[in-house]
Amino acid sequence: MVAETDLDGRVALVTGASSGIGREIARALAREGADVALAARREAALEELAAELDGVETLVVPTDVSDESAVDAMVEATVDELGGLDIVVSNAGVGAPGEPVAETTTETHQTIVEVNINGTFYTARAALPHLLASDGNLIFMSSIAGQYPRPATPMYAASKWWIRGFALSVEAQVGPEGIGVTVVNPAEVRTDIEVLGKPVKDHFKDEDIVEPEEVAEAVVFAASQENATISELDVYWRGKLGQF
């Protein structure tokens, strides 16, 4: 049986919620009735988003996911203020410049590791005890870059391969305890995240890109599962695999 997508009474936490995919995920979860904690570094953008989410409770939690203690506080604030935690979408991430590894700076490497990898780990670690209590759903945002080699952006690709491997391993570990774990792998999405020196949306024609709303609907489907777990969801524009 396909799960109903009515999330009334559920509490969701979305990282990277200030723009792009994260913003659309928050909107989609709220439309289905979930109360939503909004986390990202840009407080003003989060407040703007919270103001438009009618009919549900919202919580703005300005958070740098590379800061371990800030992530712990983010999760605790969500539980304390919204009354629990049922859905966590670990979406925060950064892109990378397109450059040869020999020219990649240590600063670039460290930023990607701190946000994409450490931030994902900190979020999952802090959230899992609460999701165990609620038989909740933990959703990770990876990428097609976590499935196929990406010679133009090896550091970004490596971080997404890590997220995918981590998510699937976490699923094997906590699935028997009642937690649903999903990894979502979008292809190119119309967002402002910078790759190869300009926003992703500026690299592609309209028909060769996925909309953030489409990724958000996939996340809602995964978050709506109460018994099954949707292990992986690939969200590609229809001609994507013809490129390989």
Protein backbone atom coordinates (compact mmCIF):
# COMPACT_ATOMS: atom_id res chain seq x y z
CA MET A 1 0.00 0.00 0.00
CA VAL A 2 1.29 3.46 -0.87
CA ALA A 3 1.57 5.68 2.19
CA GLU A 4 -0.77 8.65 2.56
CA THR A 5 1.06 11.95 2.20
CA ASP A 6 -0.81 13.64 5.04
CA LEU A 7 1.85 14.53 7.60
CA ASP A 8 -0.45 16.23 10.13
CA GLY A 9 1.06 16.11 13.58
CA ARG A 10 4.56 15.21 12.39
CA VAL A 11 7.60 17.35 13.19
CA ALA A 12 10.20 17.80 10.47
CA LEU A 13 13.66 19.36 10.54
CA VAL A 14 15.22 20.52 7.26
CA THR A 15 18.82 21.68 7.03
CA GLY A 16 19.88 23.96 4.21
CA ALA A 17 16.32 25.30 4.21
CA SER A 18 17.07 28.89 3.22
CA SER A 19 17.14 28.32 -0.56
CA GLY A 20 16.92 25.87 -3.44
CA ILE A 21 16.04 22.25 -2.71
CA GLY A 22 15.83 22.75 1.06
CA ARG A 23 13.38 25.61 0.76
CA GLU A 24 11.10 23.59 -1.52
CA ILE A 25 11.31 20.58 0.79
CA ALA A 26 10.19 22.72 3.71
CA ARG A 27 7.31 24.11 1.67
CA ALA A 28 6.23 20.65 0.54
CA LEU A 29 6.35 19.16 4.04
CA ALA A 30 4.34 22.07 5.43
CA ARG A 31 1.72 21.70 2.69
CA GLU A 32 1.22 18.13 3.89
CA GLY A 33 0.66 19.35 7.44
CA ALA A 34 4.06 18.85 9.09
CA ASP A 35 5.38 21.38 11.56
CA VAL A 36 8.81 22.40 10.30
CA ALA A 37 12.08 23.50 11.88
CA LEU A 38 14.09 25.50 9.36
CA ALA A 39 17.86 25.40 9.66
CA ALA A 40 20.56 27.20 7.66
CA ARG A 41 23.09 29.97 8.18
CA ARG A 42 20.98 32.81 6.71
CA GLU A 43 18.50 33.77 9.41
CA ALA A 44 16.71 36.44 7.36
CA ALA A 45 15.95 33.98 4.55
CA LEU A 46 14.64 31.46 7.08
CA GLU A 47 12.37 34.06 8.69
CA GLU A 48 11.01 34.95 5.26
CA LEU A 49 10.25 31.31 4.53
CA ALA A 50 8.66 30.73 7.94
CA ALA A 51 6.32 33.67 7.35
CA GLU A 52 4.85 32.05 4.25
CA LEU A 53 4.21 28.60 5.76
CA ASP A 54 0.60 29.00 6.85
CA GLY A 55 -1.33 26.57 9.02
CA VAL A 56 1.64 24.83 10.62
CA GLU A 57 4.09 25.60 13.40
CA THR A 58 7.53 26.69 12.31
CA LEU A 59 10.81 27.19 14.12
CA VAL A 60 13.74 29.17 12.73
CA VAL A 61 17.03 27.69 13.90
CA PRO A 62 20.04 29.51 12.40
CA THR A 63 22.70 26.80 12.21
CA ASP A 64 26.10 26.19 10.67
CA VAL A 65 26.06 22.41 10.25
CA SER A 66 29.86 22.28 10.32
CA ASP A 67 29.64 23.32 14.00
CA GLU A 68 29.07 20.19 16.09
CA SER A 69 27.62 21.97 19.12
CA ALA A 70 25.35 24.11 16.92
CA VAL A 71 23.90 20.99 15.33
CA ASP A 72 23.22 19.42 18.72
CA ALA A 73 21.49 22.63 19.79
CA MET A 74 19.46 22.70 16.55
CA VAL A 75 18.05 19.24 17.19
CA GLU A 76 17.35 19.88 20.85
CA ALA A 77 15.59 23.18 20.06
CA THR A 78 13.39 21.40 17.52
CA VAL A 79 12.37 18.72 20.00
CA ASP A 80 11.81 21.20 22.83
CA GLU A 81 9.89 23.81 20.82
CA LEU A 82 7.89 21.59 18.44
CA GLY A 83 7.35 18.62 20.74
CA GLY A 84 9.33 15.85 19.10
CA LEU A 85 11.04 14.82 15.89
CA ASP A 86 9.63 12.55 13.19
CA ILE A 87 11.37 13.58 9.95
CA VAL A 88 14.90 14.85 9.39
CA VAL A 89 16.11 15.96 5.97
CA SER A 90 19.88 16.35 5.93
CA ASN A 91 20.14 18.63 2.93
CA ALA A 92 22.75 21.30 3.75
CA GLY A 93 25.72 21.27 1.43
CA VAL A 94 28.12 23.31 -0.66
CA GLY A 95 29.30 23.00 -4.25
CA ALA A 96 32.86 23.12 -5.50
CA PRO A 97 34.87 24.88 -8.18
CA GLY A 98 35.81 22.81 -11.18
CA GLU A 99 39.56 22.45 -11.04
CA PRO A 100 42.24 19.76 -11.21
CA VAL A 101 43.05 18.09 -7.92
CA ALA A 102 46.61 19.41 -8.19
CA GLU A 103 45.19 22.94 -8.06
CA THR A 104 42.58 22.37 -5.33
CA THR A 105 43.33 24.36 -2.21
CA THR A 106 43.31 22.89 1.26
CA GLU A 107 40.66 25.47 2.15
CA THR A 108 38.32 24.15 -0.57
CA HIS A 109 38.91 20.60 0.58
CA GLN A 110 38.25 21.46 4.22
CA THR A 111 35.07 23.41 3.47
CA ILE A 112 33.55 20.51 1.54
CA VAL A 113 34.51 18.03 4.25
CA GLU A 114 33.26 20.24 7.07
CA VAL A 115 29.87 21.01 5.51
CA ASN A 116 28.98 18.05 3.28
CA ILE A 117 30.52 15.27 5.34
CA ASN A 118 30.87 16.47 8.93
CA GLY A 119 27.55 18.32 8.79
CA THR A 120 25.77 15.21 7.56
CA PHE A 121 27.31 13.10 10.31
CA TYR A 122 26.58 15.59 13.09
CA THR A 123 22.96 15.91 11.98
CA ALA A 124 22.38 12.17 11.81
CA ARG A 125 24.09 11.48 15.13
CA ALA A 126 22.07 14.11 16.98
CA ALA A 127 18.76 13.14 15.36
CA LEU A 128 18.85 9.35 15.57
CA PRO A 129 17.89 8.94 19.26
CA HIS A 130 14.80 11.08 18.68
CA LEU A 131 13.88 9.29 15.45
CA LEU A 132 14.18 5.99 17.30
CA ALA A 133 11.58 7.23 19.78
CA SER A 134 9.19 8.21 16.98
CA ASP A 135 9.92 5.44 14.43
CA GLY A 136 10.77 8.37 12.20
CA ASN A 137 12.39 8.94 8.83
CA LEU A 138 15.92 10.19 8.15
CA ILE A 139 16.49 11.45 4.62
CA PHE A 140 19.90 12.29 3.16
CA MET A 141 20.51 14.42 0.08
CA SER A 142 23.22 12.92 -2.08
CA SER A 143 23.49 13.36 -5.87
CA ILE A 144 24.04 11.65 -9.17
CA ALA A 145 27.62 12.67 -8.41
CA GLY A 146 27.48 10.05 -5.65
CA GLN A 147 26.82 7.34 -8.24
CA TYR A 148 28.92 8.20 -11.30
CA PRO A 149 32.48 9.59 -11.49
CA ARG A 150 32.56 13.37 -11.95
CA PRO A 151 35.96 14.36 -13.34
CA ALA A 152 35.14 18.08 -13.28
CA THR A 153 34.35 18.19 -9.54
CA PRO A 154 36.12 15.33 -7.75
CA MET A 155 35.92 16.85 -4.26
CA TYR A 156 32.18 17.46 -4.49
CA ALA A 157 31.64 14.01 -5.99
CA ALA A 158 33.67 12.37 -3.23
CA SER A 159 31.54 14.04 -0.57
CA LYS A 160 28.35 12.80 -2.24
CA TRP A 161 29.72 9.25 -2.54
CA TRP A 162 30.47 9.45 1.19
CA ILE A 163 26.92 10.62 1.98
CA ARG A 164 25.42 7.79 -0.06
CA GLY A 165 27.62 5.15 1.55
CA PHE A 166 26.96 6.55 5.00
CA ALA A 167 23.20 6.68 4.45
CA LEU A 168 22.94 3.11 3.20
CA SER A 169 25.10 1.86 6.05
CA VAL A 170 23.01 3.78 8.61
CA GLU A 171 19.92 2.22 7.04
CA ALA A 172 21.35 -1.25 7.63
CA GLN A 173 22.19 -0.34 11.21
CA VAL A 174 18.99 1.36 12.37
CA GLY A 175 16.34 -0.06 10.05
CA PRO A 176 15.77 -3.06 12.35
CA GLU A 177 15.10 -0.57 15.16
CA GLY A 178 12.24 1.03 13.24
CA ILE A 179 13.84 4.05 11.58
CA GLY A 180 13.29 4.64 7.87
CA VAL A 181 16.39 5.86 6.02
CA THR A 182 16.39 7.20 2.49
CA VAL A 183 19.09 8.65 0.26
CA VAL A 184 17.91 10.93 -2.55
CA ASN A 185 20.13 11.27 -5.62
CA PRO A 186 19.10 14.17 -7.85
CA ALA A 187 20.72 14.93 -11.17
CA GLU A 188 21.26 18.60 -11.98
CA VAL A 189 18.71 20.78 -10.16
CA ARG A 190 17.76 24.37 -10.93
CA THR A 191 19.42 26.04 -7.93
CA ASP A 192 21.93 28.76 -7.17
CA ILE A 193 24.51 26.38 -5.72
CA GLU A 194 27.77 27.08 -7.54
CA VAL A 195 29.56 24.42 -9.55
CA LEU A 196 32.30 25.16 -12.08
CA GLY A 197 32.20 28.83 -11.17
CA LYS A 198 28.52 29.61 -11.72
CA PRO A 199 25.08 28.50 -10.45
CA VAL A 200 23.94 25.07 -11.56
CA LYS A 201 20.82 26.58 -13.15
CA ASP A 202 22.98 28.57 -15.57
CA HIS A 203 24.72 25.50 -16.97
CA PHE A 204 21.73 23.76 -18.56
CA LYS A 205 18.80 24.20 -20.90
CA ASP A 206 15.31 24.15 -19.38
CA GLU A 207 14.62 20.59 -20.49
CA ASP A 208 17.96 19.30 -19.17
CA ILE A 209 17.47 20.03 -15.49
CA VAL A 210 15.29 18.94 -12.56
CA GLU A 211 13.17 21.45 -10.66
CA PRO A 212 13.62 21.76 -6.86
CA GLU A 213 9.89 21.09 -6.44
CA GLU A 214 10.30 17.68 -8.08
CA VAL A 215 13.02 16.71 -5.61
CA ALA A 216 10.84 17.98 -2.76
CA GLU A 217 7.95 15.73 -3.81
CA ALA A 218 10.30 12.73 -3.76
CA VAL A 219 11.33 13.67 -0.22
CA VAL A 220 7.68 13.93 0.88
CA PHE A 221 7.04 10.44 -0.50
CA ALA A 222 9.97 9.03 1.49
CA ALA A 223 8.99 10.94 4.62
CA SER A 224 5.43 9.59 4.44
CA GLN A 225 6.44 5.96 4.87
CA GLU A 226 5.37 4.43 8.16
CA ASN A 227 6.46 0.82 7.76
CA ALA A 228 8.40 0.55 4.51
CA THR A 229 11.62 2.41 3.84
CA ILE A 230 12.41 3.93 0.47
CA SER A 231 16.09 3.09 0.34
CA GLU A 232 17.12 5.20 -2.66
CA LEU A 233 15.36 7.65 -4.93
CA ASP A 234 17.02 8.86 -8.14
CA VAL A 235 15.51 12.05 -9.53
CA TYR A 236 16.86 12.74 -13.03
CA TRP A 237 15.61 14.70 -16.00
CA ARG A 238 14.31 12.21 -18.52
CA GLY A 239 17.22 12.22 -20.93
CA LYS A 240 19.96 12.10 -18.31
CA LEU A 241 21.02 8.47 -18.59
CA GLY A 242 21.28 8.82 -22.35
CA GLN A 243 24.41 10.89 -21.73
CA PHE A 244 26.36 7.94 -20.37
